[in-house]
Amino acid sequence: QVQLRESGGGLVQSGGSLRLSCAASGDIFSISFMGWYRQAPGKEREMVARISSGGAIGYADSVKGRFTISRDNANTVSLQMNSLKPDDTAVYYCNAIRYALNYWGQGTQVTVSS
């Protein structure tokens, strides 16, 4: 089992910045991907950014150039979010994939006011 604990999030004005962090614990050996998803009210959960154990990074088109994912250490990833827009408002979930199983954090609310 993998446990994920998120921190960060909150309320920010349009154009502002926030940083999310996610710490994995438990069976962290062989985690192949860690990343962030988000879900806005009435919408499906979508991938925002993810990083592989080998360092390969992927972003959703909507956040390219504004968000940066990084691996702080072997079990912690962060998401720096700049130039935030009201459309970025959502619950952000940390995700880890280990042996093809998905693990999720509890989610943290990000609200961007216009």
N, C-alpha and C. Protein backbone atom coordinates (compact mmCIF):
# COMPACT_ATOMS: atom_id res chain seq x y z
N GLN A 1 0.83 -1.19 0.00
CA GLN A 1 0.00 0.00 0.00
C GLN A 1 0.87 1.25 0.00
N VAL A 2 0.35 2.25 -0.66
CA VAL A 2 1.02 3.55 -0.71
C VAL A 2 0.07 4.58 -0.12
N GLN A 3 0.57 5.36 0.79
CA GLN A 3 -0.21 6.47 1.35
C GLN A 3 0.36 7.77 0.81
N LEU A 4 -0.54 8.67 0.46
CA LEU A 4 -0.13 9.96 -0.11
C LEU A 4 -0.70 11.08 0.76
N ARG A 5 0.16 12.01 1.13
CA ARG A 5 -0.27 13.14 1.94
C ARG A 5 0.05 14.43 1.20
N GLU A 6 -0.98 15.20 0.94
CA GLU A 6 -0.83 16.46 0.20
C GLU A 6 -0.77 17.63 1.17
N SER A 7 -0.11 18.67 0.72
CA SER A 7 -0.10 19.93 1.45
C SER A 7 -0.08 21.06 0.43
N GLY A 8 -0.49 22.22 0.89
CA GLY A 8 -0.57 23.38 0.00
C GLY A 8 -2.02 23.60 -0.41
N GLY A 9 -2.22 24.35 -1.44
CA GLY A 9 -3.56 24.69 -1.86
C GLY A 9 -4.07 25.90 -1.11
N GLY A 10 -5.28 26.31 -1.45
CA GLY A 10 -5.88 27.46 -0.80
C GLY A 10 -6.53 28.39 -1.79
N LEU A 11 -6.69 29.64 -1.37
CA LEU A 11 -7.35 30.67 -2.18
C LEU A 11 -6.32 31.67 -2.65
N VAL A 12 -6.36 31.99 -3.94
CA VAL A 12 -5.42 32.94 -4.52
C VAL A 12 -6.13 33.75 -5.60
N GLN A 13 -5.67 34.95 -5.82
CA GLN A 13 -6.24 35.76 -6.89
C GLN A 13 -5.69 35.34 -8.24
N SER A 14 -6.45 35.65 -9.27
CA SER A 14 -6.00 35.36 -10.63
C SER A 14 -4.63 35.98 -10.89
N GLY A 15 -3.74 35.20 -11.49
CA GLY A 15 -2.39 35.66 -11.73
C GLY A 15 -1.41 35.29 -10.63
N GLY A 16 -1.92 34.80 -9.53
CA GLY A 16 -1.09 34.43 -8.40
C GLY A 16 -0.48 33.06 -8.53
N SER A 17 0.21 32.64 -7.47
CA SER A 17 0.93 31.37 -7.46
C SER A 17 0.60 30.57 -6.21
N LEU A 18 0.69 29.27 -6.36
CA LEU A 18 0.55 28.34 -5.24
C LEU A 18 1.50 27.17 -5.48
N ARG A 19 1.84 26.51 -4.38
CA ARG A 19 2.70 25.32 -4.49
C ARG A 19 2.05 24.18 -3.73
N LEU A 20 1.92 23.05 -4.40
CA LEU A 20 1.40 21.84 -3.78
C LEU A 20 2.54 20.85 -3.59
N SER A 21 2.49 20.12 -2.50
CA SER A 21 3.46 19.07 -2.27
C SER A 21 2.75 17.78 -1.91
N CYS A 22 3.38 16.67 -2.25
CA CYS A 22 2.82 15.35 -1.96
C CYS A 22 3.93 14.45 -1.48
N ALA A 23 3.72 13.87 -0.31
CA ALA A 23 4.69 12.93 0.26
C ALA A 23 4.10 11.53 0.27
N ALA A 24 4.83 10.60 -0.29
CA ALA A 24 4.40 9.20 -0.32
C ALA A 24 5.06 8.43 0.82
N SER A 25 4.32 7.50 1.39
CA SER A 25 4.86 6.63 2.43
C SER A 25 4.29 5.24 2.23
N GLY A 26 4.84 4.30 2.97
CA GLY A 26 4.42 2.91 2.83
C GLY A 26 5.31 2.20 1.83
N ASP A 27 4.69 1.46 0.92
CA ASP A 27 5.45 0.69 -0.07
C ASP A 27 5.83 1.59 -1.25
N ILE A 28 6.79 2.48 -1.04
CA ILE A 28 7.14 3.44 -2.08
C ILE A 28 8.12 2.87 -3.08
N PHE A 29 8.69 1.71 -2.77
CA PHE A 29 9.61 1.09 -3.71
C PHE A 29 8.85 0.74 -4.97
N SER A 30 9.42 1.01 -6.09
CA SER A 30 8.85 0.68 -7.41
C SER A 30 7.63 1.52 -7.79
N ILE A 31 7.50 2.70 -7.19
CA ILE A 31 6.50 3.64 -7.72
C ILE A 31 6.99 4.09 -9.09
N SER A 32 6.19 3.92 -10.12
CA SER A 32 6.63 4.24 -11.47
C SER A 32 6.29 5.69 -11.87
N PHE A 33 5.18 6.21 -11.36
CA PHE A 33 4.78 7.57 -11.66
C PHE A 33 4.23 8.23 -10.41
N MET A 34 4.48 9.49 -10.27
CA MET A 34 3.77 10.34 -9.31
C MET A 34 3.32 11.59 -10.04
N GLY A 35 2.19 12.10 -9.62
CA GLY A 35 1.72 13.29 -10.31
C GLY A 35 0.49 13.88 -9.66
N TRP A 36 -0.11 14.79 -10.40
CA TRP A 36 -1.27 15.54 -9.92
C TRP A 36 -2.40 15.48 -10.93
N TYR A 37 -3.59 15.26 -10.41
CA TYR A 37 -4.82 15.34 -11.17
C TYR A 37 -5.70 16.39 -10.51
N ARG A 38 -6.71 16.84 -11.23
CA ARG A 38 -7.65 17.78 -10.64
C ARG A 38 -9.06 17.48 -11.12
N GLN A 39 -10.01 17.88 -10.31
CA GLN A 39 -11.41 17.68 -10.65
C GLN A 39 -12.19 18.92 -10.24
N ALA A 40 -12.76 19.58 -11.25
CA ALA A 40 -13.61 20.74 -11.00
C ALA A 40 -15.06 20.27 -10.87
N PRO A 41 -15.90 21.05 -10.24
CA PRO A 41 -17.32 20.65 -10.08
C PRO A 41 -17.97 20.36 -11.42
N GLY A 42 -18.62 19.21 -11.52
CA GLY A 42 -19.32 18.84 -12.74
C GLY A 42 -18.44 18.35 -13.86
N LYS A 43 -17.15 18.23 -13.59
CA LYS A 43 -16.22 17.78 -14.63
C LYS A 43 -15.52 16.50 -14.21
N GLU A 44 -14.95 15.80 -15.18
CA GLU A 44 -14.20 14.60 -14.89
C GLU A 44 -12.82 14.95 -14.36
N ARG A 45 -12.26 14.00 -13.63
CA ARG A 45 -10.90 14.19 -13.14
C ARG A 45 -9.95 14.15 -14.33
N GLU A 46 -8.98 15.07 -14.34
CA GLU A 46 -8.04 15.15 -15.45
C GLU A 46 -6.61 15.22 -14.94
N MET A 47 -5.70 14.67 -15.74
CA MET A 47 -4.28 14.73 -15.40
C MET A 47 -3.79 16.15 -15.58
N VAL A 48 -3.01 16.62 -14.62
CA VAL A 48 -2.41 17.94 -14.71
C VAL A 48 -0.93 17.84 -15.06
N ALA A 49 -0.21 17.03 -14.30
CA ALA A 49 1.22 16.85 -14.53
C ALA A 49 1.65 15.57 -13.85
N ARG A 50 2.66 14.91 -14.43
CA ARG A 50 3.18 13.73 -13.79
C ARG A 50 4.65 13.55 -14.15
N ILE A 51 5.34 12.81 -13.29
CA ILE A 51 6.76 12.58 -13.49
C ILE A 51 7.02 11.11 -13.23
N SER A 52 7.81 10.51 -14.10
CA SER A 52 8.12 9.10 -13.95
C SER A 52 9.32 8.90 -13.03
N SER A 53 9.54 7.68 -12.66
CA SER A 53 10.69 7.37 -11.81
C SER A 53 11.99 7.68 -12.54
N GLY A 54 11.95 7.69 -13.86
CA GLY A 54 13.13 8.01 -14.64
C GLY A 54 13.28 9.49 -14.94
N GLY A 55 12.30 10.28 -14.50
CA GLY A 55 12.38 11.73 -14.68
C GLY A 55 11.62 12.28 -15.86
N ALA A 56 10.94 11.42 -16.62
CA ALA A 56 10.14 11.91 -17.74
C ALA A 56 8.92 12.66 -17.21
N ILE A 57 8.63 13.80 -17.81
CA ILE A 57 7.58 14.69 -17.32
C ILE A 57 6.54 14.92 -18.40
N GLY A 58 5.29 14.97 -17.99
CA GLY A 58 4.21 15.29 -18.90
C GLY A 58 3.25 16.29 -18.28
N TYR A 59 2.70 17.16 -19.09
CA TYR A 59 1.76 18.17 -18.63
C TYR A 59 0.51 18.18 -19.50
N ALA A 60 -0.59 18.56 -18.89
CA ALA A 60 -1.77 18.85 -19.68
C ALA A 60 -1.51 20.12 -20.49
N ASP A 61 -2.07 20.20 -21.68
CA ASP A 61 -1.85 21.38 -22.53
C ASP A 61 -2.28 22.66 -21.82
N SER A 62 -3.31 22.57 -21.01
CA SER A 62 -3.88 23.76 -20.37
C SER A 62 -2.96 24.38 -19.33
N VAL A 63 -1.93 23.62 -18.89
CA VAL A 63 -1.06 24.16 -17.83
C VAL A 63 0.39 24.32 -18.28
N LYS A 64 0.69 23.90 -19.50
CA LYS A 64 2.06 24.02 -19.99
C LYS A 64 2.53 25.47 -19.96
N GLY A 65 3.74 25.66 -19.45
CA GLY A 65 4.30 27.00 -19.35
C GLY A 65 3.91 27.74 -18.09
N ARG A 66 2.95 27.18 -17.34
CA ARG A 66 2.52 27.84 -16.10
C ARG A 66 2.79 26.98 -14.87
N PHE A 67 2.68 25.67 -15.02
CA PHE A 67 2.88 24.75 -13.89
C PHE A 67 4.19 24.00 -14.09
N THR A 68 4.85 23.69 -12.98
CA THR A 68 6.08 22.91 -13.02
C THR A 68 6.03 21.83 -11.94
N ILE A 69 6.22 20.59 -12.38
CA ILE A 69 6.27 19.49 -11.43
C ILE A 69 7.74 19.15 -11.17
N SER A 70 8.04 18.81 -9.94
CA SER A 70 9.41 18.46 -9.61
C SER A 70 9.42 17.37 -8.55
N ARG A 71 10.52 16.63 -8.56
CA ARG A 71 10.68 15.58 -7.54
C ARG A 71 11.66 16.12 -6.51
N ASP A 72 11.19 16.35 -5.30
CA ASP A 72 12.04 16.92 -4.27
C ASP A 72 12.99 15.88 -3.68
N ASN A 73 12.50 14.67 -3.56
CA ASN A 73 13.34 13.54 -3.13
C ASN A 73 12.64 12.28 -3.61
N ALA A 74 13.08 11.15 -3.13
CA ALA A 74 12.59 9.88 -3.67
C ALA A 74 11.09 9.69 -3.46
N ASN A 75 10.50 10.34 -2.46
CA ASN A 75 9.10 10.08 -2.19
C ASN A 75 8.25 11.34 -2.12
N THR A 76 8.76 12.46 -2.60
CA THR A 76 8.02 13.71 -2.55
C THR A 76 8.07 14.42 -3.89
N VAL A 77 6.89 14.83 -4.35
CA VAL A 77 6.82 15.63 -5.57
C VAL A 77 6.07 16.92 -5.25
N SER A 78 6.41 17.96 -5.98
CA SER A 78 5.76 19.25 -5.80
C SER A 78 5.23 19.76 -7.13
N LEU A 79 4.25 20.61 -7.05
CA LEU A 79 3.68 21.25 -8.23
C LEU A 79 3.65 22.75 -7.98
N GLN A 80 4.50 23.46 -8.69
CA GLN A 80 4.51 24.92 -8.62
C GLN A 80 3.55 25.45 -9.66
N MET A 81 2.57 26.20 -9.22
CA MET A 81 1.55 26.71 -10.12
C MET A 81 1.63 28.23 -10.17
N ASN A 82 1.96 28.75 -11.33
CA ASN A 82 2.08 30.18 -11.54
C ASN A 82 1.02 30.67 -12.52
N SER A 83 0.81 31.96 -12.54
CA SER A 83 -0.16 32.56 -13.47
C SER A 83 -1.50 31.84 -13.40
N LEU A 84 -1.97 31.63 -12.19
CA LEU A 84 -3.21 30.87 -12.00
C LEU A 84 -4.41 31.62 -12.57
N LYS A 85 -5.35 30.84 -13.09
CA LYS A 85 -6.56 31.37 -13.69
C LYS A 85 -7.77 30.80 -12.95
N PRO A 86 -8.90 31.48 -13.04
CA PRO A 86 -10.11 30.92 -12.41
C PRO A 86 -10.44 29.51 -12.90
N ASP A 87 -10.10 29.19 -14.14
CA ASP A 87 -10.35 27.85 -14.67
C ASP A 87 -9.50 26.78 -13.99
N ASP A 88 -8.49 27.19 -13.24
CA ASP A 88 -7.67 26.22 -12.50
C ASP A 88 -8.32 25.80 -11.19
N THR A 89 -9.41 26.44 -10.84
CA THR A 89 -10.11 26.10 -9.61
C THR A 89 -10.60 24.65 -9.65
N ALA A 90 -10.20 23.87 -8.65
CA ALA A 90 -10.55 22.45 -8.61
C ALA A 90 -10.00 21.85 -7.32
N VAL A 91 -10.39 20.62 -7.08
CA VAL A 91 -9.73 19.81 -6.06
C VAL A 91 -8.57 19.10 -6.74
N TYR A 92 -7.39 19.26 -6.20
CA TYR A 92 -6.19 18.66 -6.76
C TYR A 92 -5.83 17.41 -5.96
N TYR A 93 -5.59 16.33 -6.69
CA TYR A 93 -5.30 15.05 -6.07
C TYR A 93 -3.89 14.59 -6.45
N CYS A 94 -3.15 14.15 -5.47
CA CYS A 94 -1.87 13.50 -5.74
C CYS A 94 -2.13 12.06 -6.15
N ASN A 95 -1.35 11.59 -7.10
CA ASN A 95 -1.51 10.24 -7.63
C ASN A 95 -0.16 9.53 -7.68
N ALA A 96 -0.18 8.26 -7.37
CA ALA A 96 1.01 7.43 -7.53
C ALA A 96 0.59 6.13 -8.20
N ILE A 97 1.45 5.64 -9.08
CA ILE A 97 1.19 4.37 -9.75
C ILE A 97 2.31 3.41 -9.38
N ARG A 98 1.92 2.27 -8.87
CA ARG A 98 2.88 1.24 -8.47
C ARG A 98 2.33 -0.09 -8.91
N TYR A 99 3.09 -0.78 -9.74
CA TYR A 99 2.66 -2.08 -10.28
C TYR A 99 1.26 -1.99 -10.88
N ALA A 100 1.03 -0.93 -11.65
CA ALA A 100 -0.22 -0.69 -12.39
C ALA A 100 -1.41 -0.37 -11.49
N LEU A 101 -1.19 -0.17 -10.21
CA LEU A 101 -2.26 0.23 -9.30
C LEU A 101 -2.17 1.72 -9.02
N ASN A 102 -3.32 2.37 -9.02
CA ASN A 102 -3.38 3.80 -8.74
C ASN A 102 -3.67 4.04 -7.25
N TYR A 103 -2.94 4.97 -6.69
CA TYR A 103 -3.16 5.40 -5.32
C TYR A 103 -3.44 6.91 -5.34
N TRP A 104 -4.32 7.33 -4.44
CA TRP A 104 -4.76 8.73 -4.45
C TRP A 104 -4.64 9.36 -3.07
N GLY A 105 -4.31 10.64 -3.07
CA GLY A 105 -4.39 11.41 -1.84
C GLY A 105 -5.83 11.83 -1.60
N GLN A 106 -6.03 12.54 -0.49
CA GLN A 106 -7.38 12.93 -0.12
C GLN A 106 -7.88 14.14 -0.88
N GLY A 107 -6.96 14.84 -1.53
CA GLY A 107 -7.33 16.02 -2.32
C GLY A 107 -7.15 17.30 -1.54
N THR A 108 -6.80 18.35 -2.24
CA THR A 108 -6.66 19.67 -1.64
C THR A 108 -7.30 20.69 -2.57
N GLN A 109 -8.06 21.61 -1.98
CA GLN A 109 -8.81 22.57 -2.78
C GLN A 109 -7.92 23.72 -3.21
N VAL A 110 -7.99 24.05 -4.48
CA VAL A 110 -7.36 25.24 -5.04
C VAL A 110 -8.46 26.11 -5.62
N THR A 111 -8.56 27.33 -5.13
CA THR A 111 -9.57 28.26 -5.62
C THR A 111 -8.90 29.52 -6.12
N VAL A 112 -9.17 29.87 -7.36
CA VAL A 112 -8.59 31.07 -7.97
C VAL A 112 -9.71 32.07 -8.22
N SER A 113 -9.64 33.20 -7.58
CA SER A 113 -10.67 34.22 -7.73
C SER A 113 -10.31 35.18 -8.86
N SER A 114 -11.33 35.67 -9.53
CA SER A 114 -11.09 36.59 -10.66
C SER A 114 -11.02 38.03 -10.22
